C-alpha cells in the first residue's frame, strides 16, 4: 500500500523530470541528430543544406591527413592511457602509505589539472623548446618531438586527477582482508597483485575510460603546443576536424562527416574498454 509520500511522488514526478528531459532533448539529442543530418549534406549554414548522400564520408575517408591524424591519435591515446594510469596508481599507492607531507603532495600533484589546456600548452611549449634549443631544434622540427611533448604535457596534467580516484579506491580496500593475507604469509607483492589491484578494478575502469576518451578528444593542448606542425604531421583528430570545418571553404560537410566518424570510433572503443575492465571487477 502506497504511503502519502509515495502517492505524491507518483502524481507529481513528471513535473520534476520534465525540465531535465526538455534540457537534454534541446541541448544534446537535437544537436546530435542535426549534426548527423548535416554530415550527409553540403552546406555553409544550417539553413542552406543540400543532400549529397555519402559523398562527405567518401571524401573524409580518402583524406590522407585525416587518416594520419586517426593513427597518430590512436597511438597517442594508447601511450598516454598506459603511462598516466601506471604513474597515477604508483603515486596514489605511495601517498596512502605512512609518509610525511602526503596531503600537501596530493594537492601539488592535483594542481596542474586546474590549469586550462591552452595555457598549459603554451607553458610547456616554452619549457620544451628551451630544452631543445640546446640542439638547435624545436617541438615542430618533427612529429616525433611534438608527439612526446604532448605525452609529457598530458601526463603532467592528468596524473594528479587520476591519483585522486586511485586514492579513493585504495582507501576502500578492506584492511582486514590485507591483514588476513599477511597473517597467512602473503608477501607485499602478492598482496598488491592478488588483493589490492583486483579490488581496485572499479577505479581502474573509471580512470582508463577517462584517459581513453581524453586522449581522443585532445584539442586545446595540441593547438597550443604544436598546432599540427610540421605540415600537419602532429595534428590530432579533433584539430583536424576543426581545421577542415573552419579552415577549408566548402568542406563544412566533410568536417561534419569526420566529426560523426570520430564520435562513432570513440564510442565503440570506450564501450569495449569499459566492458573489458568491468569484467575483471571483484567484490570483497
Protein backbone atom coordinates (compact mmCIF):
# COMPACT_ATOMS: atom_id res chain seq x y z
CA UNK A 1 0.00 0.00 0.00
CA UNK A 2 1.42 3.37 -1.02
CA UNK A 3 2.13 5.98 1.63
CA UNK A 4 1.17 9.66 1.25
CA UNK A 5 4.75 10.36 0.15
CA UNK A 6 4.62 7.59 -2.44
CA UNK A 7 1.31 8.85 -3.81
CA UNK A 8 2.71 12.38 -4.10
CA UNK A 9 5.78 11.12 -5.99
CA UNK A 10 3.62 9.05 -8.36
CA UNK A 11 1.40 12.06 -9.03
CA UNK A 12 4.00 14.80 -9.42
CA UNK A 13 7.13 13.06 -10.79
CA UNK A 14 6.56 14.27 -14.39
CA UNK A 15 6.69 17.86 -13.11
CA UNK A 16 10.24 17.33 -11.78
CA UNK A 17 11.50 15.15 -14.62
CA UNK A 18 10.19 17.35 -17.43
CA UNK A 19 12.69 20.29 -17.14
CA UNK A 20 15.68 17.93 -17.20
CA UNK A 21 14.20 15.90 -20.07
CA UNK A 22 13.48 19.03 -22.14
CA UNK A 23 17.01 20.38 -21.49
CA UNK A 24 18.54 17.03 -22.52
CA UNK A 25 16.48 16.91 -25.72
CA UNK A 26 17.27 20.53 -26.66
CA UNK A 27 20.90 20.55 -25.56
CA UNK A 28 22.07 17.08 -26.64
CA UNK A 29 19.67 15.00 -28.73
CA UNK A 30 18.59 17.76 -31.14
CA UNK A 31 22.15 18.97 -31.99
CA UNK A 32 23.28 15.33 -32.33
CA UNK A 33 20.53 14.48 -34.83
CA UNK A 34 21.04 17.76 -36.70
CA UNK A 35 24.81 17.19 -36.84
CA UNK A 36 24.31 13.69 -38.25
CA UNK A 37 21.90 15.06 -40.86
CA UNK A 38 24.35 17.81 -41.88
CA UNK A 39 27.08 15.20 -42.41
CA UNK A 40 25.03 13.96 -45.40
CA UNK A 41 24.66 17.45 -46.89
CA UNK A 42 26.64 20.25 -48.49
CA UNK A 43 26.17 23.45 -46.51
CA UNK A 44 27.63 26.74 -45.37
CA UNK A 45 24.84 27.47 -42.85
CA UNK A 46 22.26 25.10 -41.37
CA UNK A 47 19.51 26.68 -43.50
CA UNK A 48 21.05 26.04 -46.96
CA UNK A 49 21.89 22.33 -46.60
CA UNK A 50 21.64 20.25 -49.80
CA UNK A 51 21.52 16.44 -49.53
CA UNK A 52 24.61 14.74 -51.07
CA UNK A 53 24.36 11.26 -49.55
CA UNK A 54 27.64 9.55 -48.62
CA UNK A 55 29.85 11.93 -50.62
CA UNK A 56 31.19 13.68 -47.49
CA UNK A 57 32.09 10.35 -45.87
CA UNK A 58 33.95 9.18 -49.01
CA UNK A 59 35.92 12.46 -49.11
CA UNK A 60 36.68 12.20 -45.39
CA UNK A 61 37.96 8.62 -45.64
CA UNK A 62 40.04 9.50 -48.74
CA UNK A 63 41.73 12.41 -46.94
CA UNK A 64 45.30 11.25 -46.10
CA UNK A 65 45.66 13.91 -43.39
CA UNK A 66 42.53 12.59 -41.63
CA UNK A 67 43.81 9.01 -41.74
CA UNK A 68 47.22 10.13 -40.46
CA UNK A 69 45.53 12.09 -37.65
CA UNK A 70 43.50 8.98 -36.74
CA UNK A 71 46.56 6.70 -36.36
CA UNK A 72 48.53 9.49 -34.65
CA UNK A 73 45.68 9.99 -32.14
CA UNK A 74 45.23 6.24 -31.60
CA UNK A 75 48.95 5.80 -30.81
CA UNK A 76 48.91 8.85 -28.55
CA UNK A 77 45.85 7.52 -26.66
CA UNK A 78 47.44 4.08 -26.13
CA UNK A 79 50.70 5.57 -24.81
CA UNK A 80 49.05 8.15 -22.51
CA UNK A 81 46.47 5.67 -21.18
CA UNK A 82 49.22 3.27 -20.11
CA UNK A 83 51.60 5.90 -18.72
CA UNK A 84 49.01 8.04 -16.92
CA UNK A 85 47.33 5.08 -15.20
CA UNK A 86 50.54 3.33 -14.13
CA UNK A 87 52.13 6.51 -12.79
CA UNK A 88 48.89 7.72 -11.13
CA UNK A 89 48.43 4.34 -9.43
CA UNK A 90 52.05 4.36 -8.25
CA UNK A 91 51.73 7.91 -6.83
CA UNK A 92 48.40 7.08 -5.13
CA UNK A 93 49.86 3.87 -3.66
CA UNK A 94 52.84 5.84 -2.33
CA UNK A 95 50.66 8.59 -0.80
CA UNK A 96 48.34 6.14 1.01
CA UNK A 97 51.31 4.79 2.93
CA UNK A 98 52.65 6.50 6.05
CA UNK A 99 54.53 9.48 4.65
CA UNK A 100 55.25 12.97 5.92
CA UNK A 101 53.58 15.75 3.93
CA UNK A 102 51.43 13.33 1.89
CA UNK A 103 48.41 15.68 1.92
CA UNK A 104 50.49 18.61 0.65
CA UNK A 105 51.99 16.50 -2.12
CA UNK A 106 48.48 15.31 -3.14
CA UNK A 107 47.41 18.95 -3.57
CA UNK A 108 50.57 19.76 -5.54
CA UNK A 109 50.05 16.81 -7.89
CA UNK A 110 46.39 17.78 -8.44
CA UNK A 111 47.10 21.47 -9.21
CA UNK A 112 48.08 21.04 -12.93
CA UNK A 113 44.55 19.79 -13.56
CA UNK A 114 43.19 23.20 -12.55
CA UNK A 115 45.09 24.99 -15.34
CA UNK A 116 43.45 25.35 -18.74
CA UNK A 117 44.74 23.30 -21.68
CA UNK A 118 45.71 26.32 -23.82
CA UNK A 119 47.77 27.86 -21.01
CA UNK A 120 49.42 24.52 -20.28
CA UNK A 121 50.22 24.10 -23.95
CA UNK A 122 52.00 27.47 -24.17
CA UNK A 123 53.85 26.91 -20.87
CA UNK A 124 55.18 23.50 -21.99
CA UNK A 125 55.96 24.87 -25.43
CA UNK A 126 58.31 27.42 -23.80
CA UNK A 127 59.84 24.83 -21.48
CA UNK A 128 60.41 22.11 -24.06
CA UNK A 129 61.59 24.47 -26.79
CA UNK A 130 64.00 25.95 -24.25
CA UNK A 131 65.50 22.50 -23.68
CA UNK A 132 65.54 21.54 -27.37
CA UNK A 133 67.21 24.86 -28.25
CA UNK A 134 70.49 23.36 -26.98
CA UNK A 135 70.41 21.13 -30.09
CA UNK A 136 69.07 23.92 -32.38
CA UNK A 137 65.71 22.20 -32.85
CA UNK A 138 62.16 22.78 -31.58
CA UNK A 139 58.95 20.83 -30.99
CA UNK A 140 57.85 21.50 -34.55
CA UNK A 141 61.09 20.07 -36.00
CA UNK A 142 59.35 16.71 -36.49
CA UNK A 143 56.12 14.95 -35.47
CA UNK A 144 58.09 12.75 -33.06
CA UNK A 145 59.10 15.71 -30.89
CA UNK A 146 55.53 17.04 -30.96
CA UNK A 147 54.16 13.60 -30.04
CA UNK A 148 56.37 13.15 -26.98
CA UNK A 149 55.88 16.80 -25.99
CA UNK A 150 52.12 16.22 -25.85
CA UNK A 151 52.62 12.93 -23.95
CA UNK A 152 54.68 14.76 -21.29
CA UNK A 153 52.08 17.55 -21.07
CA UNK A 154 49.11 15.19 -20.69
CA UNK A 155 50.90 13.01 -18.13
CA UNK A 156 51.78 16.10 -16.10
CA UNK A 157 48.18 17.35 -16.28
CA UNK A 158 46.21 14.14 -15.71
CA UNK A 159 48.27 12.08 -13.26
CA UNK A 160 47.10 14.18 -10.30
CA UNK A 161 43.43 13.84 -11.26
CA UNK A 162 43.65 10.06 -11.70
CA UNK A 163 45.67 9.86 -8.47
CA UNK A 164 42.68 11.21 -6.51
CA UNK A 165 40.41 8.47 -7.94
CA UNK A 166 43.00 5.78 -7.19
CA UNK A 167 43.47 7.06 -3.63
CA UNK A 168 39.70 6.79 -3.07
CA UNK A 169 39.82 3.22 -4.41
CA UNK A 170 42.81 2.24 -2.26
CA UNK A 171 41.14 3.59 0.88
CA UNK A 172 38.13 1.35 0.18
CA UNK A 173 40.19 -1.87 0.10
CA UNK A 174 39.27 -3.68 3.38
CA UNK A 175 42.17 -3.67 5.84
CA UNK A 176 41.03 -6.94 7.42
CA UNK A 177 41.46 -8.64 4.03
CA UNK A 178 45.05 -7.39 3.76
CA UNK A 179 45.79 -8.30 7.38
CA UNK A 180 44.39 -11.81 6.88
CA UNK A 181 46.60 -12.27 3.81
CA UNK A 182 49.64 -11.03 5.76
CA UNK A 183 48.89 -13.43 8.62
CA UNK A 184 48.69 -16.27 6.07
CA UNK A 185 52.21 -15.37 4.92
CA UNK A 186 51.47 -13.42 1.73
CA UNK A 187 54.28 -11.10 0.63
CA UNK A 188 53.75 -7.39 -0.17
CA UNK A 189 53.97 -8.21 -3.88
CA UNK A 190 51.36 -10.97 -3.59
CA UNK A 191 49.03 -8.67 -1.62
CA UNK A 192 49.40 -5.99 -4.29
CA UNK A 193 48.75 -8.26 -7.29
CA UNK A 194 46.26 -10.72 -5.73
CA UNK A 195 44.20 -8.39 -3.50
CA UNK A 196 44.81 -4.67 -3.98
CA UNK A 197 44.74 -4.47 -7.79
CA UNK A 198 41.68 -6.79 -8.22
CA UNK A 199 39.84 -4.76 -5.56
CA UNK A 200 40.85 -1.57 -7.40
CA UNK A 201 39.28 -2.58 -10.72
CA UNK A 202 36.29 -0.17 -10.41
CA UNK A 203 38.77 2.72 -10.09
CA UNK A 204 40.89 1.34 -12.93
CA UNK A 205 37.73 1.14 -15.10
CA UNK A 206 36.89 4.79 -14.42
CA UNK A 207 40.46 6.08 -14.88
CA UNK A 208 41.13 4.10 -18.06
CA UNK A 209 37.79 5.27 -19.50
CA UNK A 210 38.65 8.91 -18.75
CA UNK A 211 42.19 8.68 -20.16
CA UNK A 212 40.99 6.93 -23.34
CA UNK A 213 38.28 9.50 -24.04
CA UNK A 214 40.53 12.44 -23.07
CA UNK A 215 43.26 11.14 -25.39
CA UNK A 216 40.92 11.00 -28.37
CA UNK A 217 39.28 14.35 -27.59
CA UNK A 218 42.51 16.30 -27.02
CA UNK A 219 42.33 19.61 -28.85
CA UNK A 220 43.50 22.72 -26.98
CA UNK A 221 46.86 21.28 -25.85
CA UNK A 222 47.54 20.12 -29.43
CA UNK A 223 46.60 23.57 -30.76
CA UNK A 224 48.82 25.44 -28.28
CA UNK A 225 51.82 23.10 -28.28
CA UNK A 226 52.37 22.33 -31.99
CA UNK A 227 49.26 23.48 -33.92
CA UNK A 228 49.77 20.34 -36.03
CA UNK A 229 53.23 21.42 -37.26
CA UNK A 230 55.27 20.46 -39.17
CA UNK A 231 52.96 20.12 -42.19
CA UNK A 232 50.04 18.80 -40.07
CA UNK A 233 52.07 15.71 -39.11
CA UNK A 234 51.40 16.27 -35.38
CA UNK A 235 47.73 17.09 -35.97
CA UNK A 236 45.30 15.04 -33.91
CA UNK A 237 41.72 14.11 -34.83
CA UNK A 238 39.93 16.95 -33.04
CA UNK A 239 42.27 19.58 -34.52
CA UNK A 240 41.98 18.01 -37.99
CA UNK A 241 38.17 18.22 -37.79
CA UNK A 242 38.37 21.84 -36.62
CA UNK A 243 40.75 22.81 -39.44
CA UNK A 244 38.60 21.02 -42.02
CA UNK A 245 35.42 22.73 -40.88
CA UNK A 246 36.74 26.26 -40.31
CA UNK A 247 39.91 26.35 -42.41
CA UNK A 248 38.75 24.99 -45.78
CA UNK A 249 35.93 26.74 -47.65
CA UNK A 250 33.32 24.30 -48.99
CA UNK A 251 34.44 21.49 -46.66
CA UNK A 252 31.89 22.08 -43.88
CA UNK A 253 30.02 18.86 -44.75
CA UNK A 254 33.27 16.88 -44.85
CA UNK A 255 34.23 18.28 -41.44
CA UNK A 256 30.82 17.26 -40.11
CA UNK A 257 31.23 13.73 -41.54
CA UNK A 258 34.65 13.47 -39.86
CA UNK A 259 33.04 14.53 -36.57
CA UNK A 260 30.42 11.76 -36.85
CA UNK A 261 33.12 9.17 -37.66
CA UNK A 262 35.11 10.46 -34.68
CA UNK A 263 32.06 10.11 -32.40
CA UNK A 264 31.41 6.52 -33.51
CA UNK A 265 35.07 5.47 -33.16
CA UNK A 266 35.41 6.93 -29.65
CA UNK A 267 32.06 5.44 -28.56
CA UNK A 268 32.95 1.93 -29.80
CA UNK A 269 36.45 1.96 -28.26
CA UNK A 270 35.15 3.36 -24.94
CA UNK A 271 32.42 0.68 -24.74
CA UNK A 272 34.90 -2.12 -25.50
CA UNK A 273 37.41 -0.80 -22.94
CA UNK A 274 34.64 -0.40 -20.34
CA UNK A 275 33.38 -3.97 -20.83
CA UNK A 276 36.89 -5.47 -20.65
CA UNK A 277 37.80 -3.77 -17.38
CA UNK A 278 34.30 -4.17 -15.84
CA UNK A 279 34.52 -7.97 -16.28
CA UNK A 280 37.64 -8.03 -14.09
CA UNK A 281 35.94 -6.25 -11.18
CA UNK A 282 35.59 -8.27 -7.97
CA UNK A 283 33.92 -7.70 -4.61
CA UNK A 284 35.22 -8.49 -1.14
